[in-house]
Amino acid sequence: MKWFSLALVFALSAFGTAQADIVGKSYNTGQSEEVESQSNTLNILFEACDFDATKICGRVTEIILPDGSVLEDDSIMPDGSVLQGSYMIVNLIEEAPGQYRKGRILAPDESLRDEKMKYYGFRVDENADGTITAAGCILTLCPRKLIWSPIN
């Protein structure tokens, strides 16, 4: 009985926080399809969300300029928040190995263009080559799919 209790405690603790393969990895978004920001890319770190450790969030760690340098100035969003260091992706859950669903993503390019915060549904699929396919969704349609590359 003692061994069973210990095994049960261990098993339940494994489900307490987001421990998916994507957690702890960083990816570069590649260039946006929006004309206003086609030249900049973002580095995103996936981690357990601060507000709910059972879900996965993506934090903007850097904005990369066309020449490869890092933007040092704060990028201020329409709501007054600073993009660098904030969550661009929230609430992802791993539905199957390498498949993350039910998230939300901030579209910084569209938010800046339209001068208001814009969010979409978000899903991620891990690819065999180490990249991920990131898709912005409206309801069940996910027309905007981009390949994000891992950062070494």
N, C-alpha and C. Protein backbone atom coordinates (compact mmCIF):
# COMPACT_ATOMS: atom_id res chain seq x y z
N MET A 1 0.83 -1.19 0.00
CA MET A 1 0.00 0.00 0.00
C MET A 1 0.87 1.25 0.00
N LYS A 2 1.97 1.19 0.76
CA LYS A 2 2.87 2.34 0.82
C LYS A 2 3.45 2.65 -0.56
N TRP A 3 3.85 1.61 -1.30
CA TRP A 3 4.40 1.80 -2.64
C TRP A 3 3.36 2.37 -3.59
N PHE A 4 2.12 1.88 -3.45
CA PHE A 4 1.04 2.39 -4.29
C PHE A 4 0.81 3.87 -4.04
N SER A 5 0.81 4.27 -2.78
CA SER A 5 0.61 5.68 -2.43
C SER A 5 1.71 6.55 -2.99
N LEU A 6 2.96 6.09 -2.89
CA LEU A 6 4.08 6.86 -3.44
C LEU A 6 3.98 6.96 -4.96
N ALA A 7 3.60 5.87 -5.61
CA ALA A 7 3.46 5.89 -7.06
C ALA A 7 2.34 6.84 -7.48
N LEU A 8 1.25 6.84 -6.73
CA LEU A 8 0.13 7.73 -7.04
C LEU A 8 0.53 9.19 -6.88
N VAL A 9 1.24 9.52 -5.82
CA VAL A 9 1.71 10.90 -5.60
C VAL A 9 2.63 11.32 -6.74
N PHE A 10 3.55 10.44 -7.13
CA PHE A 10 4.48 10.75 -8.22
C PHE A 10 3.72 10.96 -9.53
N ALA A 11 2.77 10.09 -9.82
CA ALA A 11 2.00 10.20 -11.07
C ALA A 11 1.20 11.50 -11.10
N LEU A 12 0.56 11.85 -10.01
CA LEU A 12 -0.22 13.08 -9.97
C LEU A 12 0.65 14.32 -10.07
N SER A 13 1.84 14.28 -9.50
CA SER A 13 2.72 15.45 -9.58
C SER A 13 3.20 15.68 -11.00
N ALA A 14 3.28 14.64 -11.80
CA ALA A 14 3.71 14.79 -13.19
C ALA A 14 2.69 15.58 -14.00
N PHE A 15 1.42 15.57 -13.56
CA PHE A 15 0.39 16.29 -14.29
C PHE A 15 0.18 17.70 -13.76
N GLY A 16 0.95 18.12 -12.79
CA GLY A 16 0.76 19.41 -12.15
C GLY A 16 1.24 20.60 -12.95
N THR A 17 2.21 20.40 -13.82
CA THR A 17 2.74 21.50 -14.62
C THR A 17 2.89 21.06 -16.06
N ALA A 18 2.97 22.02 -16.96
CA ALA A 18 3.16 21.72 -18.38
C ALA A 18 4.58 21.20 -18.59
N GLN A 19 4.71 19.95 -19.01
CA GLN A 19 6.02 19.34 -19.21
C GLN A 19 6.16 18.82 -20.64
N ALA A 20 5.54 19.44 -21.59
CA ALA A 20 5.57 18.99 -22.97
C ALA A 20 6.95 19.21 -23.59
N ASP A 21 7.18 18.54 -24.72
CA ASP A 21 8.47 18.64 -25.40
C ASP A 21 8.83 20.07 -25.79
N ILE A 22 7.84 20.87 -26.08
CA ILE A 22 8.07 22.23 -26.55
C ILE A 22 8.52 23.17 -25.42
N VAL A 23 8.18 22.82 -24.18
CA VAL A 23 8.51 23.67 -23.03
C VAL A 23 10.03 23.76 -22.87
N GLY A 24 10.51 24.99 -22.73
CA GLY A 24 11.95 25.23 -22.57
C GLY A 24 12.68 25.44 -23.87
N LYS A 25 11.98 25.36 -24.99
CA LYS A 25 12.60 25.56 -26.30
C LYS A 25 12.24 26.94 -26.85
N SER A 26 13.16 27.48 -27.65
CA SER A 26 12.95 28.78 -28.29
C SER A 26 12.91 28.62 -29.80
N TYR A 27 12.07 29.44 -30.43
CA TYR A 27 11.90 29.40 -31.88
C TYR A 27 11.89 30.82 -32.42
N ASN A 28 12.33 30.95 -33.68
CA ASN A 28 12.24 32.23 -34.39
C ASN A 28 11.05 32.15 -35.32
N THR A 29 10.25 33.20 -35.32
CA THR A 29 8.99 33.21 -36.07
C THR A 29 9.16 33.32 -37.57
N GLY A 30 10.31 33.78 -38.04
CA GLY A 30 10.42 34.09 -39.45
C GLY A 30 9.69 35.40 -39.72
N GLN A 31 9.78 35.87 -40.94
CA GLN A 31 9.18 37.17 -41.26
C GLN A 31 7.67 37.08 -41.35
N SER A 32 7.03 38.16 -40.94
CA SER A 32 5.58 38.27 -41.00
C SER A 32 5.12 38.41 -42.44
N GLU A 33 3.87 38.03 -42.66
CA GLU A 33 3.27 38.24 -43.98
C GLU A 33 2.73 39.66 -44.13
N GLU A 34 2.66 40.41 -43.03
CA GLU A 34 2.16 41.78 -43.07
C GLU A 34 3.25 42.71 -43.60
N VAL A 35 2.92 43.55 -44.55
CA VAL A 35 3.88 44.44 -45.20
C VAL A 35 4.59 45.33 -44.20
N GLU A 36 3.85 45.82 -43.18
CA GLU A 36 4.42 46.77 -42.23
C GLU A 36 5.57 46.19 -41.41
N SER A 37 5.63 44.87 -41.26
CA SER A 37 6.67 44.30 -40.40
C SER A 37 7.35 43.09 -41.02
N GLN A 38 7.46 43.08 -42.34
CA GLN A 38 8.06 41.93 -43.01
C GLN A 38 9.53 41.75 -42.68
N SER A 39 10.18 42.77 -42.21
CA SER A 39 11.62 42.67 -42.03
C SER A 39 12.04 42.16 -40.65
N ASN A 40 11.22 42.31 -39.63
CA ASN A 40 11.58 41.89 -38.27
C ASN A 40 11.07 40.48 -37.99
N THR A 41 11.78 39.77 -37.11
CA THR A 41 11.33 38.47 -36.64
C THR A 41 11.35 38.48 -35.11
N LEU A 42 10.70 37.50 -34.52
CA LEU A 42 10.64 37.40 -33.06
C LEU A 42 11.22 36.08 -32.60
N ASN A 43 11.92 36.10 -31.47
CA ASN A 43 12.33 34.88 -30.80
C ASN A 43 11.34 34.63 -29.67
N ILE A 44 10.80 33.42 -29.63
CA ILE A 44 9.76 33.05 -28.67
C ILE A 44 10.25 31.87 -27.83
N LEU A 45 10.14 31.99 -26.50
CA LEU A 45 10.46 30.91 -25.58
C LEU A 45 9.16 30.32 -25.06
N PHE A 46 8.98 29.00 -25.24
CA PHE A 46 7.81 28.32 -24.70
C PHE A 46 8.11 27.87 -23.28
N GLU A 47 7.15 28.13 -22.38
CA GLU A 47 7.33 27.81 -20.96
C GLU A 47 5.96 27.59 -20.33
N ALA A 48 5.96 27.01 -19.14
CA ALA A 48 4.70 26.90 -18.39
C ALA A 48 4.22 28.32 -18.08
N CYS A 49 2.93 28.57 -18.26
CA CYS A 49 2.38 29.90 -18.01
C CYS A 49 2.53 30.28 -16.54
N ASP A 50 2.87 31.54 -16.28
CA ASP A 50 2.98 32.04 -14.90
C ASP A 50 1.67 31.92 -14.15
N PHE A 51 0.56 32.13 -14.84
CA PHE A 51 -0.75 32.19 -14.20
C PHE A 51 -1.45 30.83 -14.12
N ASP A 52 -0.95 29.82 -14.87
CA ASP A 52 -1.52 28.47 -14.84
C ASP A 52 -0.46 27.51 -15.35
N ALA A 53 0.24 26.87 -14.44
CA ALA A 53 1.39 26.03 -14.79
C ALA A 53 1.01 24.77 -15.57
N THR A 54 -0.29 24.49 -15.73
CA THR A 54 -0.70 23.34 -16.52
C THR A 54 -0.80 23.69 -18.00
N LYS A 55 -0.67 24.97 -18.33
CA LYS A 55 -0.77 25.42 -19.72
C LYS A 55 0.57 25.98 -20.18
N ILE A 56 0.72 26.07 -21.50
CA ILE A 56 1.98 26.52 -22.10
C ILE A 56 1.79 27.91 -22.69
N CYS A 57 2.76 28.78 -22.44
CA CYS A 57 2.76 30.14 -22.99
C CYS A 57 4.03 30.35 -23.79
N GLY A 58 4.00 31.34 -24.66
CA GLY A 58 5.18 31.72 -25.44
C GLY A 58 5.54 33.16 -25.17
N ARG A 59 6.75 33.38 -24.66
CA ARG A 59 7.22 34.71 -24.28
C ARG A 59 8.14 35.27 -25.37
N VAL A 60 7.94 36.52 -25.75
CA VAL A 60 8.84 37.19 -26.70
C VAL A 60 10.13 37.51 -25.96
N THR A 61 11.22 36.90 -26.40
CA THR A 61 12.51 37.17 -25.74
C THR A 61 13.31 38.23 -26.48
N GLU A 62 13.13 38.29 -27.81
CA GLU A 62 13.88 39.28 -28.61
C GLU A 62 13.12 39.62 -29.88
N ILE A 63 13.32 40.84 -30.34
CA ILE A 63 12.89 41.25 -31.67
C ILE A 63 14.16 41.38 -32.49
N ILE A 64 14.23 40.63 -33.58
CA ILE A 64 15.42 40.60 -34.43
C ILE A 64 15.20 41.50 -35.64
N LEU A 65 16.11 42.43 -35.85
CA LEU A 65 16.03 43.37 -36.97
C LEU A 65 16.58 42.72 -38.24
N PRO A 66 16.33 43.32 -39.42
CA PRO A 66 16.77 42.73 -40.68
C PRO A 66 18.27 42.45 -40.76
N ASP A 67 19.07 43.26 -40.08
CA ASP A 67 20.53 43.04 -40.13
C ASP A 67 21.00 41.98 -39.14
N GLY A 68 20.05 41.35 -38.42
CA GLY A 68 20.39 40.30 -37.46
C GLY A 68 20.62 40.80 -36.05
N SER A 69 20.64 42.11 -35.86
CA SER A 69 20.83 42.65 -34.51
C SER A 69 19.50 42.61 -33.74
N VAL A 70 19.61 42.75 -32.43
CA VAL A 70 18.44 42.72 -31.56
C VAL A 70 17.96 44.15 -31.31
N LEU A 71 16.65 44.37 -31.43
CA LEU A 71 16.07 45.68 -31.13
C LEU A 71 16.24 45.96 -29.64
N GLU A 72 16.92 47.04 -29.32
CA GLU A 72 17.18 47.39 -27.92
C GLU A 72 16.08 48.25 -27.32
N ASP A 73 15.38 49.03 -28.15
CA ASP A 73 14.30 49.89 -27.66
C ASP A 73 13.05 49.05 -27.39
N ASP A 74 12.24 49.49 -26.43
CA ASP A 74 10.98 48.81 -26.15
C ASP A 74 10.04 48.96 -27.34
N SER A 75 9.36 47.88 -27.69
CA SER A 75 8.32 47.91 -28.70
C SER A 75 6.99 48.02 -27.96
N ILE A 76 6.39 49.20 -28.01
CA ILE A 76 5.17 49.49 -27.25
C ILE A 76 3.95 49.11 -28.08
N MET A 77 3.09 48.28 -27.48
CA MET A 77 1.87 47.83 -28.14
C MET A 77 0.75 48.84 -27.91
N PRO A 78 -0.36 48.74 -28.67
CA PRO A 78 -1.46 49.70 -28.53
C PRO A 78 -2.05 49.81 -27.12
N ASP A 79 -1.95 48.74 -26.32
CA ASP A 79 -2.49 48.80 -24.96
C ASP A 79 -1.47 49.35 -23.96
N GLY A 80 -0.30 49.78 -24.45
CA GLY A 80 0.74 50.35 -23.59
C GLY A 80 1.75 49.34 -23.07
N SER A 81 1.53 48.05 -23.31
CA SER A 81 2.46 47.03 -22.83
C SER A 81 3.69 46.98 -23.74
N VAL A 82 4.77 46.44 -23.19
CA VAL A 82 6.01 46.26 -23.95
C VAL A 82 6.01 44.84 -24.50
N LEU A 83 6.24 44.69 -25.80
CA LEU A 83 6.20 43.37 -26.42
C LEU A 83 7.31 42.46 -25.89
N GLN A 84 8.54 42.98 -25.79
CA GLN A 84 9.64 42.16 -25.31
C GLN A 84 9.39 41.74 -23.87
N GLY A 85 9.52 40.46 -23.60
CA GLY A 85 9.33 39.94 -22.26
C GLY A 85 7.89 39.57 -21.92
N SER A 86 6.96 39.86 -22.81
CA SER A 86 5.55 39.55 -22.52
C SER A 86 5.13 38.28 -23.25
N TYR A 87 4.02 37.71 -22.80
CA TYR A 87 3.47 36.54 -23.47
C TYR A 87 2.77 36.96 -24.75
N MET A 88 3.20 36.39 -25.86
CA MET A 88 2.51 36.57 -27.13
C MET A 88 1.54 35.40 -27.34
N ILE A 89 1.83 34.28 -26.70
CA ILE A 89 1.02 33.07 -26.81
C ILE A 89 0.61 32.64 -25.41
N VAL A 90 -0.67 32.30 -25.25
CA VAL A 90 -1.15 31.84 -23.94
C VAL A 90 -2.06 30.62 -24.10
N ASN A 91 -2.14 29.84 -23.02
CA ASN A 91 -3.14 28.78 -22.83
C ASN A 91 -3.04 27.57 -23.74
N LEU A 92 -1.89 27.29 -24.32
CA LEU A 92 -1.74 26.07 -25.12
C LEU A 92 -1.81 24.85 -24.21
N ILE A 93 -2.43 23.79 -24.72
CA ILE A 93 -2.39 22.51 -24.02
C ILE A 93 -1.94 21.44 -25.01
N GLU A 94 -1.22 20.44 -24.51
CA GLU A 94 -0.78 19.35 -25.38
C GLU A 94 -1.91 18.34 -25.48
N GLU A 95 -2.50 18.22 -26.68
CA GLU A 95 -3.60 17.28 -26.87
C GLU A 95 -3.10 15.91 -27.27
N ALA A 96 -1.95 15.85 -27.91
CA ALA A 96 -1.31 14.60 -28.31
C ALA A 96 0.18 14.92 -28.40
N PRO A 97 1.04 13.91 -28.40
CA PRO A 97 2.47 14.21 -28.50
C PRO A 97 2.78 15.10 -29.71
N GLY A 98 3.39 16.24 -29.45
CA GLY A 98 3.77 17.17 -30.52
C GLY A 98 2.64 18.00 -31.09
N GLN A 99 1.44 17.91 -30.50
CA GLN A 99 0.29 18.68 -30.98
C GLN A 99 -0.28 19.51 -29.84
N TYR A 100 -0.25 20.82 -30.01
CA TYR A 100 -0.67 21.77 -28.97
C TYR A 100 -1.84 22.58 -29.51
N ARG A 101 -2.89 22.68 -28.72
CA ARG A 101 -4.13 23.30 -29.18
C ARG A 101 -4.70 24.25 -28.13
N LYS A 102 -5.79 24.93 -28.52
CA LYS A 102 -6.61 25.78 -27.66
C LYS A 102 -5.88 27.00 -27.12
N GLY A 103 -4.81 27.42 -27.78
CA GLY A 103 -4.10 28.60 -27.35
C GLY A 103 -4.65 29.86 -28.00
N ARG A 104 -4.10 30.99 -27.59
CA ARG A 104 -4.40 32.29 -28.19
C ARG A 104 -3.08 32.97 -28.48
N ILE A 105 -3.03 33.69 -29.60
CA ILE A 105 -1.81 34.40 -29.98
C ILE A 105 -2.14 35.86 -30.26
N LEU A 106 -1.28 36.72 -29.78
CA LEU A 106 -1.34 38.14 -30.12
C LEU A 106 -0.70 38.30 -31.49
N ALA A 107 -1.35 39.04 -32.37
CA ALA A 107 -0.77 39.35 -33.68
C ALA A 107 -0.18 40.75 -33.59
N PRO A 108 1.12 40.87 -33.20
CA PRO A 108 1.69 42.20 -32.99
C PRO A 108 1.70 43.06 -34.24
N ASP A 109 1.95 42.44 -35.40
CA ASP A 109 1.98 43.22 -36.64
C ASP A 109 0.63 43.86 -36.93
N GLU A 110 -0.44 43.07 -36.83
CA GLU A 110 -1.79 43.60 -37.06
C GLU A 110 -2.21 44.57 -35.96
N SER A 111 -1.81 44.29 -34.73
CA SER A 111 -2.15 45.19 -33.61
C SER A 111 -1.55 46.56 -33.81
N LEU A 112 -0.29 46.61 -34.23
CA LEU A 112 0.37 47.90 -34.48
C LEU A 112 -0.25 48.61 -35.68
N ARG A 113 -0.53 47.85 -36.74
CA ARG A 113 -1.13 48.44 -37.94
C ARG A 113 -2.50 49.04 -37.65
N ASP A 114 -3.34 48.29 -36.90
CA ASP A 114 -4.72 48.71 -36.65
C ASP A 114 -4.88 49.52 -35.37
N GLU A 115 -3.78 49.69 -34.63
CA GLU A 115 -3.76 50.45 -33.38
C GLU A 115 -4.73 49.92 -32.33
N LYS A 116 -4.92 48.60 -32.32
CA LYS A 116 -5.69 47.93 -31.27
C LYS A 116 -5.20 46.48 -31.18
N MET A 117 -5.28 45.91 -29.99
CA MET A 117 -4.78 44.57 -29.77
C MET A 117 -5.63 43.55 -30.53
N LYS A 118 -4.95 42.64 -31.27
CA LYS A 118 -5.64 41.62 -32.05
C LYS A 118 -5.13 40.25 -31.64
N TYR A 119 -6.06 39.35 -31.36
CA TYR A 119 -5.73 37.99 -30.94
C TYR A 119 -6.43 36.99 -31.85
N TYR A 120 -5.82 35.82 -31.98
CA TYR A 120 -6.40 34.72 -32.74
C TYR A 120 -6.27 33.44 -31.94
N GLY A 121 -7.05 32.44 -32.32
CA GLY A 121 -6.82 31.11 -31.80
C GLY A 121 -5.45 30.66 -32.28
N PHE A 122 -4.86 29.69 -31.60
CA PHE A 122 -3.49 29.30 -31.95
C PHE A 122 -3.27 27.82 -31.70
N ARG A 123 -2.54 27.20 -32.61
CA ARG A 123 -2.15 25.80 -32.46
C ARG A 123 -0.75 25.60 -33.00
N VAL A 124 -0.09 24.59 -32.49
CA VAL A 124 1.29 24.30 -32.87
C VAL A 124 1.42 22.80 -33.11
N ASP A 125 2.15 22.45 -34.17
CA ASP A 125 2.52 21.06 -34.42
C ASP A 125 4.03 20.98 -34.55
N GLU A 126 4.64 20.04 -33.81
CA GLU A 126 6.08 19.83 -33.94
C GLU A 126 6.34 19.00 -35.20
N ASN A 127 7.37 19.37 -35.95
CA ASN A 127 7.74 18.67 -37.17
C ASN A 127 8.98 17.81 -36.94
N ALA A 128 9.15 16.78 -37.75
CA ALA A 128 10.26 15.84 -37.59
C ALA A 128 11.62 16.51 -37.72
N ASP A 129 11.71 17.61 -38.46
CA ASP A 129 13.00 18.28 -38.67
C ASP A 129 13.35 19.27 -37.56
N GLY A 130 12.54 19.33 -36.49
CA GLY A 130 12.82 20.22 -35.37
C GLY A 130 12.12 21.56 -35.45
N THR A 131 11.53 21.88 -36.59
CA THR A 131 10.75 23.11 -36.72
C THR A 131 9.37 22.87 -36.13
N ILE A 132 8.60 23.93 -36.01
CA ILE A 132 7.19 23.80 -35.63
C ILE A 132 6.34 24.53 -36.65
N THR A 133 5.14 24.04 -36.85
CA THR A 133 4.15 24.73 -37.68
C THR A 133 3.23 25.47 -36.73
N ALA A 134 3.24 26.78 -36.82
CA ALA A 134 2.42 27.64 -35.97
C ALA A 134 1.25 28.15 -36.81
N ALA A 135 0.04 28.00 -36.30
CA ALA A 135 -1.14 28.39 -37.07
C ALA A 135 -2.05 29.30 -36.26
N GLY A 136 -2.36 30.46 -36.83
CA GLY A 136 -3.36 31.35 -36.27
C GLY A 136 -4.73 30.92 -36.78
N CYS A 137 -5.72 30.89 -35.90
CA CYS A 137 -7.02 30.33 -36.24
C CYS A 137 -8.16 31.29 -35.91
N ILE A 138 -9.20 31.21 -36.72
CA ILE A 138 -10.47 31.86 -36.44
C ILE A 138 -11.49 30.73 -36.38
N LEU A 139 -12.04 30.52 -35.18
CA LEU A 139 -12.89 29.36 -34.91
C LEU A 139 -12.10 28.09 -35.23
N THR A 140 -12.56 27.27 -36.18
CA THR A 140 -11.84 26.04 -36.50
C THR A 140 -10.97 26.16 -37.75
N LEU A 141 -11.02 27.30 -38.41
CA LEU A 141 -10.20 27.51 -39.61
C LEU A 141 -8.86 28.12 -39.22
N CYS A 142 -7.79 27.54 -39.75
CA CYS A 142 -6.43 28.00 -39.42
C CYS A 142 -5.68 28.32 -40.71
N PRO A 143 -6.04 29.43 -41.37
CA PRO A 143 -5.46 29.74 -42.68
C PRO A 143 -4.02 30.26 -42.64
N ARG A 144 -3.62 30.84 -41.54
CA ARG A 144 -2.29 31.46 -41.47
C ARG A 144 -1.33 30.50 -40.77
N LYS A 145 -0.56 29.76 -41.58
CA LYS A 145 0.39 28.78 -41.04
C LYS A 145 1.80 29.21 -41.40
N LEU A 146 2.66 29.21 -40.41
CA LEU A 146 4.06 29.58 -40.61
C LEU A 146 4.96 28.52 -40.00
N ILE A 147 6.12 28.33 -40.58
CA ILE A 147 7.12 27.42 -40.04
C ILE A 147 8.09 28.24 -39.20
N TRP A 148 8.20 27.90 -37.92
CA TRP A 148 9.14 28.57 -37.02
C TRP A 148 10.34 27.67 -36.81
N SER A 149 11.53 28.25 -36.83
CA SER A 149 12.78 27.49 -36.71
C SER A 149 13.31 27.52 -35.29
N PRO A 150 13.89 26.38 -34.84
CA PRO A 150 14.46 26.36 -33.49
C PRO A 150 15.68 27.26 -33.41
N ILE A 151 15.91 27.81 -32.23
CA ILE A 151 17.08 28.63 -31.97
C ILE A 151 18.05 27.78 -31.17
N ASN A 152 19.28 27.69 -31.64
CA ASN A 152 20.26 26.85 -30.93
C ASN A 152 20.96 27.62 -29.85
